[in-house]
Protein backbone atom coordinates (compact mmCIF):
# COMPACT_ATOMS: atom_id res chain seq x y z
CA MET A 1 48.07 19.16 82.97
CA GLU A 2 50.49 18.07 80.12
CA THR A 3 51.35 19.51 76.75
CA ILE A 4 50.49 18.23 74.17
CA TYR A 5 51.34 20.72 71.45
CA ARG A 6 52.88 24.44 71.63
CA THR A 7 53.65 26.78 68.94
CA GLU A 8 54.00 30.69 68.35
CA ILE A 9 52.01 31.89 65.57
CA LYS A 10 54.29 34.09 63.50
CA GLU A 11 51.98 35.25 60.32
CA ILE A 12 48.25 35.68 59.77
CA GLY A 13 47.29 34.98 55.71
CA PRO A 14 44.83 37.66 54.42
CA GLU A 15 42.03 34.86 54.01
CA VAL A 16 41.81 33.67 57.77
CA ALA A 17 39.12 35.71 58.73
CA GLU A 18 36.92 34.28 55.85
CA PHE A 19 37.45 30.98 56.68
CA LEU A 20 37.01 31.93 60.82
CA GLU A 21 33.91 33.28 59.49
CA MET A 22 33.10 29.59 58.35
CA GLY A 23 34.36 28.53 61.66
CA LEU A 24 37.57 27.30 60.13
CA LEU A 25 41.02 27.53 61.51
CA ILE A 26 44.02 26.52 58.76
CA THR A 27 47.08 25.93 60.31
CA PHE A 28 50.51 25.67 58.42
CA GLU A 29 54.34 25.89 59.88
CA VAL A 30 56.38 28.25 58.53
CA GLY A 31 57.28 28.18 55.13
CA ALA A 32 54.43 26.74 53.96
CA PRO A 33 53.59 27.39 50.02
CA PRO A 34 52.34 30.58 49.52
CA GLU A 35 48.58 29.82 48.24
CA LEU A 36 48.42 27.81 51.46
CA ALA A 37 49.80 30.48 53.27
CA GLU A 38 47.21 32.85 51.94
CA MET A 39 44.54 30.76 54.32
CA SER A 40 46.63 30.35 56.89
CA VAL A 41 48.31 30.91 60.51
CA LEU A 42 51.50 30.25 59.86
CA HIS A 43 53.38 29.10 63.06
CA GLU A 44 56.80 27.60 64.36
CA PRO A 45 56.06 24.91 66.86
CA GLY A 46 58.24 24.47 69.81
CA HIS A 47 56.48 21.11 71.84
CA LYS A 48 54.84 18.56 69.82
CA ARG A 49 53.61 15.12 71.83
CA GLU A 50 53.43 12.16 69.42
CA ARG A 51 50.35 11.07 70.80
CA PRO A 52 47.22 13.25 70.02
CA PRO A 53 44.98 14.99 71.43
CA GLU A 54 41.63 13.05 72.80
CA PRO A 55 37.95 14.47 73.29
CA GLY A 56 38.32 16.91 76.42
CA ASP A 57 41.55 17.88 75.39
CA VAL A 58 41.56 21.89 75.36
CA LEU A 59 43.65 23.99 72.46
CA SER A 60 44.07 27.78 73.48
CA ILE A 61 44.82 30.35 71.71
CA GLY A 62 45.61 33.92 73.65
CA SER A 63 43.13 34.02 75.95
CA LEU A 64 40.71 31.66 74.66
CA GLU A 65 40.13 28.21 75.26
CA PHE A 66 38.31 25.36 73.02
CA LYS A 67 37.41 21.74 74.31
CA VAL A 68 38.14 19.28 72.01
CA THR A 69 35.37 17.22 71.16
CA ALA A 70 36.89 14.68 67.92
CA VAL A 71 40.07 14.41 66.12
CA GLY A 72 40.46 12.92 63.05
CA GLU A 73 42.77 9.43 62.55
CA LYS A 74 45.14 11.58 60.00
CA ALA A 75 44.91 15.00 61.37
CA TRP A 76 47.79 14.46 64.30
CA LYS A 77 49.99 12.92 61.61
CA ASN A 78 49.53 16.49 59.36
CA VAL A 79 50.10 18.79 62.84
CA LEU A 80 53.50 16.68 63.19
CA ASP A 81 54.78 16.64 59.95
CA LEU A 82 53.28 19.60 59.09
CA GLY A 83 52.13 21.78 61.48
CA HIS A 84 49.08 21.43 59.36
CA ALA A 85 45.82 21.62 60.92
CA VAL A 86 41.73 22.30 60.30
CA PHE A 87 39.87 23.29 63.19
CA VAL A 88 36.71 23.46 62.81
CA PHE A 89 34.69 24.99 65.27
CA ASN A 90 31.40 22.90 65.22
CA GLY A 91 31.07 20.84 68.69
CA ALA A 92 30.33 17.76 66.42
CA THR A 93 31.43 14.37 68.26
CA GLU A 94 32.45 12.47 65.12
CA VAL A 95 34.62 13.92 62.44
CA GLU A 96 33.45 14.08 58.86
CA LEU A 97 36.74 14.44 57.18
CA PRO A 98 40.52 12.33 58.43
CA GLY A 99 42.21 15.30 58.85
CA GLN A 100 40.43 17.98 61.13
CA ILE A 101 40.05 18.17 64.51
CA TYR A 102 36.32 19.73 66.15
CA LEU A 103 36.27 22.12 68.82
CA GLU A 104 33.28 23.16 70.64
CA PRO A 105 32.05 26.28 69.14
CA GLU A 106 31.07 28.97 71.76
CA GLY A 107 33.93 31.78 71.38
CA ALA A 108 35.01 31.49 67.95
CA GLU A 109 33.68 34.32 66.91
CA LEU A 110 36.11 36.26 69.31
CA LEU A 111 39.20 34.56 67.43
CA LEU A 112 40.41 37.45 64.89
CA GLY A 113 41.20 39.29 68.22
CA GLU A 114 43.85 36.78 69.32
CA LEU A 115 45.10 35.64 66.32
CA GLN A 116 48.45 38.15 66.51
CA PRO A 117 52.26 37.09 65.27
CA GLY A 118 53.98 36.17 68.91
CA ALA A 119 50.13 34.83 70.24
CA ARG A 120 51.06 31.41 71.64
CA ILE A 121 48.62 28.50 70.39
CA GLU A 122 48.63 25.17 72.86
CA LEU A 123 46.90 22.02 73.43
CA THR A 124 46.60 20.68 76.99
CA ALA A 125 45.68 17.16 78.39
CA GLY A 126 42.20 17.17 80.23
CA GLY A 127 41.72 21.15 79.95
CA ALA A 128 44.03 23.48 82.45
CA GLY A 129 41.98 25.84 83.01
CA ALA A 130 38.91 22.98 83.91
CA ALA A 131 41.31 21.62 86.42
CA THR A 132 42.23 24.57 88.24
CA GLY A 133 38.98 26.85 88.19
CA GLU A 134 40.30 29.13 86.13
CA ARG A 135 38.12 28.66 83.34
CA GLU A 136 35.25 31.17 83.04
CA GLY A 137 32.99 30.57 80.15
CA ASN A 138 35.81 29.91 77.02
CA ILE A 139 38.39 33.01 78.20
CA ARG A 140 41.39 32.11 80.37
CA GLU A 141 42.39 34.68 82.44
CA PRO A 142 46.10 35.12 82.14
């Protein structure tokens, strides 16, 4: 499967857990202003595709996978320019705000355990686990 975006987590802001409880995961590249870093997962991208993800693509964080359900019209430019994403775990198929990326909600409550420095966040086209039969719920086997 084609890799759309791959990055490595460097730091976890102290407010990330609160936002996860609301179904939100916010990311920025390392170097974000302190007030944004507090609520964000800071990361260093290793691979970026110019073309945005589409519904059906898969976001993997550690061993968890989430299917993309909708992508706001400005969301991918934010990711490419700033490493900034607002992932919303609600399963909706139409975004309310243009800078958001919507994902299926199942398994979002397990994310805090996967967000660790050194963990990988990756977006793949069409879902690697689903295509190879590795997918079991939202947990991807190593």
